[in-house]
PDB file of N, CA and C in Angstrom:
ATOM      1  N   UNK A   1      16.622  -5.116  -3.797  1.00  0.00           N
ATOM      2  CA  UNK A   1      14.864  -4.631  -2.915  1.00  0.00           C
ATOM      3  C   UNK A   1      15.084  -3.297  -3.064  1.00  0.00           C
ATOM      4  N   UNK A   2      13.682  -3.015  -3.383  1.00  0.00           N
ATOM      5  CA  UNK A   2      14.064  -1.574  -3.517  1.00  0.00           C
ATOM      6  C   UNK A   2      12.954  -1.123  -1.769  1.00  0.00           C
ATOM      7  N   UNK A   3      12.654   0.039  -1.481  1.00  0.00           N
ATOM      8  CA  UNK A   3      12.008   0.419  -0.348  1.00  0.00           C
ATOM      9  C   UNK A   3      11.757   1.635  -1.056  1.00  0.00           C
ATOM     10  N   UNK A   4      10.036   1.552  -0.991  1.00  0.00           N
ATOM     11  CA  UNK A   4       9.008   3.030  -1.299  1.00  0.00           C
ATOM     12  C   UNK A   4       8.156   3.450  -0.242  1.00  0.00           C
ATOM     13  N   UNK A   5       7.579   4.761  -0.046  1.00  0.00           N
ATOM     14  CA  UNK A   5       6.148   4.961   0.618  1.00  0.00           C
ATOM     15  C   UNK A   5       5.255   4.980  -0.363  1.00  0.00           C
ATOM     16  N   UNK A   6       4.014   4.459  -0.036  1.00  0.00           N
ATOM     17  CA  UNK A   6       3.199   4.477  -0.948  1.00  0.00           C
ATOM     18  C   UNK A   6       2.119   5.509  -0.200  1.00  0.00           C
ATOM     19  N   UNK A   7       1.454   6.820  -0.892  1.00  0.00           N
ATOM     20  CA  UNK A   7       0.534   7.520   0.014  1.00  0.00           C
ATOM     21  C   UNK A   7      -1.078   7.646  -0.783  1.00  0.00           C
ATOM     22  N   UNK A   8      -1.212   6.515  -0.195  1.00  0.00           N
ATOM     23  CA  UNK A   8      -2.653   5.993  -0.656  1.00  0.00           C
ATOM     24  C   UNK A   8      -3.601   7.012  -0.236  1.00  0.00           C
ATOM     25  N   UNK A   9      -4.580   7.583  -0.885  1.00  0.00           N
ATOM     26  CA  UNK A   9      -5.547   8.629  -1.008  1.00  0.00           C
ATOM     27  C   UNK A   9      -7.298   8.138  -1.337  1.00  0.00           C
ATOM     28  N   UNK A  10      -8.135   8.357  -0.640  1.00  0.00           N
ATOM     29  CA  UNK A  10      -9.076   8.021  -1.153  1.00  0.00           C
ATOM     30  C   UNK A  10     -10.471   7.897  -0.115  1.00  0.00           C
ATOM     31  N   UNK A  11     -11.486   7.625  -0.179  1.00  0.00           N
ATOM     32  CA  UNK A  11     -12.177   6.735   0.590  1.00  0.00           C
ATOM     33  C   UNK A  11     -11.942   5.342   1.743  1.00  0.00           C
ATOM     34  N   UNK A  12     -11.009   5.593   2.376  1.00  0.00           N
ATOM     35  CA  UNK A  12     -10.563   4.287   2.950  1.00  0.00           C
ATOM     36  C   UNK A  12     -10.902   4.097   4.285  1.00  0.00           C
ATOM     37  N   UNK A  13     -11.965   4.877   4.717  1.00  0.00           N
ATOM     38  CA  UNK A  13     -12.543   5.256   5.759  1.00  0.00           C
ATOM     39  C   UNK A  13     -12.801   2.985   6.334  1.00  0.00           C
ATOM     40  N   UNK A  14     -13.397   3.061   5.596  1.00  0.00           N
ATOM     41  CA  UNK A  14     -13.636   1.263   6.306  1.00  0.00           C
ATOM     42  C   UNK A  14     -12.812   0.379   7.061  1.00  0.00           C
ATOM     43  N   UNK A  15     -12.988  -0.303   8.104  1.00  0.00           N
ATOM     44  CA  UNK A  15     -12.033  -1.255   8.906  1.00  0.00           C
ATOM     45  C   UNK A  15     -11.372  -2.215   8.204  1.00  0.00           C
ATOM     46  N   UNK A  16     -11.637  -2.856   6.829  1.00  0.00           N
ATOM     47  CA  UNK A  16     -10.898  -3.675   6.476  1.00  0.00           C
ATOM     48  C   UNK A  16      -9.772  -3.092   5.497  1.00  0.00           C
ATOM     49  N   UNK A  17      -9.947  -1.948   5.296  1.00  0.00           N
ATOM     50  CA  UNK A  17      -8.983  -1.737   4.165  1.00  0.00           C
ATOM     51  C   UNK A  17      -7.325  -2.214   4.416  1.00  0.00           C
ATOM     52  N   UNK A  18      -6.699  -1.547   5.402  1.00  0.00           N
ATOM     53  CA  UNK A  18      -5.757  -1.572   6.563  1.00  0.00           C
ATOM     54  C   UNK A  18      -5.364  -2.863   6.553  1.00  0.00           C
ATOM     55  N   UNK A  19      -6.389  -4.074   7.265  1.00  0.00           N
ATOM     56  CA  UNK A  19      -5.864  -5.370   7.289  1.00  0.00           C
ATOM     57  C   UNK A  19      -5.954  -5.629   5.818  1.00  0.00           C
ATOM     58  N   UNK A  20      -7.104  -5.494   4.746  1.00  0.00           N
ATOM     59  CA  UNK A  20      -6.294  -5.945   3.414  1.00  0.00           C
ATOM     60  C   UNK A  20      -5.231  -5.945   2.867  1.00  0.00           C
ATOM     61  N   UNK A  21      -4.692  -4.624   3.074  1.00  0.00           N
ATOM     62  CA  UNK A  21      -3.373  -4.255   2.593  1.00  0.00           C
ATOM     63  C   UNK A  21      -2.091  -5.098   3.340  1.00  0.00           C
ATOM     64  N   UNK A  22      -2.389  -5.634   4.445  1.00  0.00           N
ATOM     65  CA  UNK A  22      -1.050  -6.273   5.050  1.00  0.00           C
ATOM     66  C   UNK A  22      -1.404  -7.776   4.894  1.00  0.00           C
ATOM     67  N   UNK A  23      -3.100  -8.318   4.778  1.00  0.00           N
ATOM     68  CA  UNK A  23      -2.860  -9.441   3.945  1.00  0.00           C
ATOM     69  C   UNK A  23      -2.391 -10.097   2.659  1.00  0.00           C
ATOM     70  N   UNK A  24      -2.474  -8.659   1.792  1.00  0.00           N
ATOM     71  CA  UNK A  24      -1.909  -8.664   0.414  1.00  0.00           C
ATOM     72  C   UNK A  24      -0.576  -8.113  -0.006  1.00  0.00           C
ATOM     73  N   UNK A  25       0.189  -7.744   1.086  1.00  0.00           N
ATOM     74  CA  UNK A  25       1.720  -7.587   1.205  1.00  0.00           C
ATOM     75  C   UNK A  25       2.216  -8.764   1.492  1.00  0.00           C
ATOM     76  N   UNK A  26       1.570  -9.689   2.428  1.00  0.00           N
ATOM     77  CA  UNK A  26       1.793 -10.837   3.227  1.00  0.00           C
ATOM     78  C   UNK A  26       2.049 -11.865   1.999  1.00  0.00           C
ATOM     79  N   UNK A  27       1.093 -11.930   1.235  1.00  0.00           N
ATOM     80  CA  UNK A  27       0.929 -12.702  -0.025  1.00  0.00           C
ATOM     81  C   UNK A  27       1.502 -13.072  -1.020  1.00  0.00           C
ATOM     82  N   UNK A  28       2.367 -11.427  -1.109  1.00  0.00           N
ATOM     83  CA  UNK A  28       2.913 -11.166  -1.927  1.00  0.00           C
ATOM     84  C   UNK A  28       4.824 -11.665  -1.592  1.00  0.00           C
ATOM     85  N   UNK A  29       5.053 -10.868  -0.443  1.00  0.00           N
ATOM     86  CA  UNK A  29       5.986 -11.351  -0.034  1.00  0.00           C
ATOM     87  C   UNK A  29       6.761  -9.862   0.266  1.00  0.00           C
ATOM     88  N   UNK A  30       5.791  -9.077   0.070  1.00  0.00           N
ATOM     89  CA  UNK A  30       6.252  -8.033   0.347  1.00  0.00           C
ATOM     90  C   UNK A  30       6.685  -7.421   1.883  1.00  0.00           C
ATOM     91  N   UNK A  31       7.720  -6.228   2.670  1.00  0.00           N
ATOM     92  CA  UNK A  31       7.580  -6.233   3.458  1.00  0.00           C
ATOM     93  C   UNK A  31       6.729  -5.007   3.913  1.00  0.00           C
ATOM     94  N   UNK A  32       6.385  -4.629   4.901  1.00  0.00           N
ATOM     95  CA  UNK A  32       5.311  -3.745   5.647  1.00  0.00           C
ATOM     96  C   UNK A  32       5.455  -2.867   6.638  1.00  0.00           C
ATOM     97  N   UNK A  33       5.450  -1.353   6.342  1.00  0.00           N
ATOM     98  CA  UNK A  33       5.735  -0.808   7.771  1.00  0.00           C
ATOM     99  C   UNK A  33       4.554   0.611   7.576  1.00  0.00           C
ATOM    100  N   UNK A  34       3.786   0.547   8.405  1.00  0.00           N
ATOM    101  CA  UNK A  34       2.623   1.812   8.442  1.00  0.00           C
ATOM    102  C   UNK A  34       3.215   2.822   8.935  1.00  0.00           C
ATOM    103  N   UNK A  35       3.385   3.982   8.206  1.00  0.00           N
ATOM    104  CA  UNK A  35       3.909   5.373   8.389  1.00  0.00           C
ATOM    105  C   UNK A  35       2.606   5.870   9.028  1.00  0.00           C
ATOM    106  N   UNK A  36       1.438   6.068   8.686  1.00  0.00           N
ATOM    107  CA  UNK A  36       0.431   7.319   8.735  1.00  0.00           C
ATOM    108  C   UNK A  36      -0.952   6.457   8.258  1.00  0.00           C
ATOM    109  N   UNK A  37      -1.787   7.167   9.260  1.00  0.00           N
ATOM    110  CA  UNK A  37      -3.089   6.586   8.787  1.00  0.00           C
ATOM    111  C   UNK A  37      -4.327   7.447   9.174  1.00  0.00           C
ATOM    112  N   UNK A  38      -5.351   7.705   8.262  1.00  0.00           N
ATOM    113  CA  UNK A  38      -6.674   8.381   8.344  1.00  0.00           C
ATOM    114  C   UNK A  38      -7.727   7.964   7.213  1.00  0.00           C
ATOM    115  N   UNK A  39      -8.750   8.158   7.908  1.00  0.00           N
ATOM    116  CA  UNK A  39      -9.891   7.565   6.744  1.00  0.00           C
ATOM    117  C   UNK A  39      -9.924   7.926   5.429  1.00  0.00           C
ATOM    118  N   UNK A  40      -9.045   9.206   4.988  1.00  0.00           N
ATOM    119  CA  UNK A  40      -8.833   9.191   3.711  1.00  0.00           C
ATOM    120  C   UNK A  40      -7.595   9.666   3.276  1.00  0.00           C
ATOM    121  N   UNK A  41      -6.472   8.809   4.127  1.00  0.00           N
ATOM    122  CA  UNK A  41      -5.342   9.000   3.894  1.00  0.00           C
ATOM    123  C   UNK A  41      -4.516   7.927   4.697  1.00  0.00           C
ATOM    124  N   UNK A  42      -3.584   6.851   3.657  1.00  0.00           N
ATOM    125  CA  UNK A  42      -2.740   5.749   4.294  1.00  0.00           C
ATOM    126  C   UNK A  42      -1.212   6.054   4.097  1.00  0.00           C
ATOM    127  N   UNK A  43      -0.439   6.210   4.932  1.00  0.00           N
ATOM    128  CA  UNK A  43       0.523   6.152   4.130  1.00  0.00           C
ATOM    129  C   UNK A  43       1.357   5.155   4.790  1.00  0.00           C
ATOM    130  N   UNK A  44       2.644   4.070   3.719  1.00  0.00           N
ATOM    131  CA  UNK A  44       2.833   2.838   4.080  1.00  0.00           C
ATOM    132  C   UNK A  44       4.004   2.581   3.145  1.00  0.00           C
ATOM    133  N   UNK A  45       5.081   2.211   3.755  1.00  0.00           N
ATOM    134  CA  UNK A  45       6.148   1.634   3.494  1.00  0.00           C
ATOM    135  C   UNK A  45       6.190   0.029   3.718  1.00  0.00           C
ATOM    136  N   UNK A  46       7.133  -0.157   1.800  1.00  0.00           N
ATOM    137  CA  UNK A  46       6.530  -1.561   1.729  1.00  0.00           C
ATOM    138  C   UNK A  46       8.358  -1.926   0.909  1.00  0.00           C
ATOM    139  N   UNK A  47       8.635  -3.080   1.030  1.00  0.00           N
ATOM    140  CA  UNK A  47       9.869  -3.347   0.456  1.00  0.00           C
ATOM    141  C   UNK A  47       9.886  -4.625  -0.285  1.00  0.00           C
ATOM    142  N   UNK A  48      10.309  -4.706  -0.928  1.00  0.00           N
ATOM    143  CA  UNK A  48      10.370  -5.678  -2.142  1.00  0.00           C
ATOM    144  C   UNK A  48      10.720  -5.658  -3.253  1.00  0.00           C
ATOM    145  N   UNK A  49      11.367  -6.543  -4.201  1.00  0.00           N
ATOM    146  CA  UNK A  49      11.600  -6.125  -5.536  1.00  0.00           C
ATOM    147  C   UNK A  49      10.271  -5.648  -6.289  1.00  0.00           C
ATOM    148  N   UNK A  50      10.806  -5.011  -7.282  1.00  0.00           N
ATOM    149  CA  UNK A  50       9.957  -3.766  -8.310  1.00  0.00           C
ATOM    150  C   UNK A  50       9.100  -4.209  -8.377  1.00  0.00           C
ATOM    151  N   UNK A  51       9.730  -5.362  -9.369  1.00  0.00           N
ATOM    152  CA  UNK A  51       7.912  -5.653  -9.945  1.00  0.00           C
ATOM    153  C   UNK A  51       6.837  -5.877  -9.100  1.00  0.00           C
ATOM    154  N   UNK A  52       7.126  -6.766  -7.712  1.00  0.00           N
ATOM    155  CA  UNK A  52       6.004  -6.575  -6.492  1.00  0.00           C
ATOM    156  C   UNK A  52       5.649  -5.587  -5.873  1.00  0.00           C
ATOM    157  N   UNK A  53       6.564  -4.676  -6.097  1.00  0.00           N
ATOM    158  CA  UNK A  53       5.823  -3.268  -5.460  1.00  0.00           C
ATOM    159  C   UNK A  53       5.157  -2.466  -6.513  1.00  0.00           C
ATOM    160  N   UNK A  54       5.231  -3.167  -7.811  1.00  0.00           N
ATOM    161  CA  UNK A  54       4.416  -2.798  -8.890  1.00  0.00           C
ATOM    162  C   UNK A  54       2.794  -3.725  -8.516  1.00  0.00           C
ATOM    163  N   UNK A  55       2.750  -4.841  -8.260  1.00  0.00           N
ATOM    164  CA  UNK A  55       2.010  -5.999  -7.747  1.00  0.00           C
ATOM    165  C   UNK A  55       1.109  -4.974  -6.465  1.00  0.00           C
ATOM    166  N   UNK A  56       1.917  -4.678  -6.024  1.00  0.00           N
ATOM    167  CA  UNK A  56       1.317  -4.233  -4.513  1.00  0.00           C
ATOM    168  C   UNK A  56       0.685  -3.213  -4.441  1.00  0.00           C
ATOM    169  N   UNK A  57       1.303  -1.949  -5.877  1.00  0.00           N
ATOM    170  CA  UNK A  57       0.159  -0.874  -5.905  1.00  0.00           C
ATOM    171  C   UNK A  57      -1.429  -1.183  -6.942  1.00  0.00           C
ATOM    172  N   UNK A  58      -1.055  -2.319  -8.044  1.00  0.00           N
ATOM    173  CA  UNK A  58      -2.365  -2.504  -8.485  1.00  0.00           C
ATOM    174  C   UNK A  58      -3.303  -3.369  -7.251  1.00  0.00           C
ATOM    175  N   UNK A  59      -2.381  -3.972  -6.437  1.00  0.00           N
ATOM    176  CA  UNK A  59      -3.566  -4.124  -5.426  1.00  0.00           C
ATOM    177  C   UNK A  59      -4.102  -3.820  -4.764  1.00  0.00           C
ATOM    178  N   UNK A  60      -3.578  -2.601  -4.404  1.00  0.00           N
ATOM    179  CA  UNK A  60      -4.325  -1.226  -3.438  1.00  0.00           C
ATOM    180  C   UNK A  60      -5.653  -0.501  -4.239  1.00  0.00           C
ATOM    181  N   UNK A  61      -4.886  -0.389  -5.542  1.00  0.00           N
ATOM    182  CA  UNK A  61      -5.961   0.218  -6.754  1.00  0.00           C
ATOM    183  C   UNK A  61      -7.417  -0.519  -6.428  1.00  0.00           C
ATOM    184  N   UNK A  62      -7.096  -1.811  -6.624  1.00  0.00           N
ATOM    185  CA  UNK A  62      -8.491  -2.619  -6.554  1.00  0.00           C
ATOM    186  C   UNK A  62      -8.986  -2.923  -5.333  1.00  0.00           C
ATOM    187  N   UNK A  63      -7.881  -3.359  -4.266  1.00  0.00           N
ATOM    188  CA  UNK A  63      -8.657  -3.036  -2.910  1.00  0.00           C
ATOM    189  C   UNK A  63      -9.917  -4.039  -2.611  1.00  0.00           C
ATOM    190  N   UNK A  64     -10.006  -3.920  -1.587  1.00  0.00           N
ATOM    191  CA  UNK A  64     -11.331  -4.455  -1.232  1.00  0.00           C
ATOM    192  C   UNK A  64     -12.836  -3.634  -1.620  1.00  0.00           C
ATOM    193  N   UNK A  65     -13.757  -4.402  -1.964  1.00  0.00           N
ATOM    194  CA  UNK A  65     -14.428  -3.673  -2.712  1.00  0.00           C
ATOM    195  C   UNK A  65     -15.214  -2.302  -1.717  1.00  0.00           C
ATOM    196  N   UNK A  66     -15.450  -2.095  -0.146  1.00  0.00           N
ATOM    197  CA  UNK A  66     -16.034  -1.472   0.140  1.00  0.00           C
ATOM    198  C   UNK A  66     -14.808   0.312   0.567  1.00  0.00           C
ATOM    199  N   UNK A  67     -13.780   0.227  -0.159  1.00  0.00           N
ATOM    200  CA  UNK A  67     -12.943   0.914  -0.105  1.00  0.00           C
ATOM    201  C   UNK A  67     -13.214   1.612  -1.306  1.00  0.00           C
ATOM    202  N   UNK A  68     -12.646   2.860  -1.774  1.00  0.00           N
ATOM    203  CA  UNK A  68     -12.318   3.366  -3.086  1.00  0.00           C
ATOM    204  C   UNK A  68     -10.950   3.972  -2.677  1.00  0.00           C
ATOM    205  N   UNK A  69      -9.446   4.045  -3.762  1.00  0.00           N
ATOM    206  CA  UNK A  69      -8.332   4.196  -4.489  1.00  0.00           C
ATOM    207  C   UNK A  69      -8.669   5.410  -5.107  1.00  0.00           C
ATOM    208  N   UNK A  70      -9.129   6.948  -4.704  1.00  0.00           N
ATOM    209  CA  UNK A  70      -8.303   7.624  -5.258  1.00  0.00           C
ATOM    210  C   UNK A  70      -6.953   7.813  -6.191  1.00  0.00           C
ATOM    211  N   UNK A  71      -5.991   7.600  -5.338  1.00  0.00           N
ATOM    212  CA  UNK A  71      -4.549   8.084  -6.041  1.00  0.00           C
ATOM    213  C   UNK A  71      -3.751   7.054  -5.271  1.00  0.00           C
ATOM    214  N   UNK A  72      -2.453   6.750  -5.830  1.00  0.00           N
ATOM    215  CA  UNK A  72      -1.546   6.557  -5.032  1.00  0.00           C
ATOM    216  C   UNK A  72       0.139   7.085  -5.612  1.00  0.00           C
ATOM    217  N   UNK A  73       0.523   7.278  -4.624  1.00  0.00           N
ATOM    218  CA  UNK A  73       1.763   8.707  -4.757  1.00  0.00           C
ATOM    219  C   UNK A  73       2.994   7.676  -4.134  1.00  0.00           C
ATOM    220  N   UNK A  74       3.801   7.200  -4.968  1.00  0.00           N
ATOM    221  CA  UNK A  74       5.219   6.571  -4.738  1.00  0.00           C
ATOM    222  C   UNK A  74       6.265   7.371  -4.357  1.00  0.00           C
ATOM    223  N   UNK A  75       7.282   7.199  -3.586  1.00  0.00           N
ATOM    224  CA  UNK A  75       8.293   7.685  -3.466  1.00  0.00           C
ATOM    225  C   UNK A  75       8.938   6.838  -3.241  1.00  0.00           C
ATOM    226  N   UNK A  76      10.349   6.597  -3.673  1.00  0.00           N
ATOM    227  CA  UNK A  76      11.272   5.844  -3.578  1.00  0.00           C
ATOM    228  C   UNK A  76      12.394   6.067  -2.255  1.00  0.00           C
ATOM    229  N   UNK A  77      12.434   5.454  -1.591  1.00  0.00           N
ATOM    230  CA  UNK A  77      13.845   5.642  -0.261  1.00  0.00           C
ATOM    231  C   UNK A  77      14.673   4.877  -0.544  1.00  0.00           C
ATOM    232  N   UNK A  78      14.883   3.988  -0.993  1.00  0.00           N
ATOM    233  CA  UNK A  78      16.533   3.643  -1.091  1.00  0.00           C
ATOM    234  C   UNK A  78      16.390   2.051  -2.014  1.00  0.00           C
ATOM    235  N   UNK A  79      17.218   1.681  -1.854  1.00  0.00           N
ATOM    236  CA  UNK A  79      17.803   0.606  -2.647  1.00  0.00           C
ATOM    237  C   UNK A  79      18.910  -0.257  -2.148  1.00  0.00           C
ATOM    238  N   UNK A  80      18.856  -1.584  -1.618  1.00  0.00           N
ATOM    239  CA  UNK A  80      19.726  -2.007  -1.243  1.00  0.00           C
ATOM    240  C   UNK A  80      20.626  -3.577  -2.371  1.00  0.00           C
TER     241      UNK A  80
END
């Protein structure tokens, strides 16, 4: 299992974005912990297999239609 912090930036002010990320993480079986939230920035810690974290990144990039993700920066926290 790997833990990474994703810093997601873009036009995220829609009330649908964070619940969408939570549902997507649950569907993938990825652990999630919100670190920081703002209309243009979201910092989230995810935990799961590396391939699932890659899928989580792709899902966030495609996200709900009313949000626009400009970038995702991933920072590895630890491996277990």
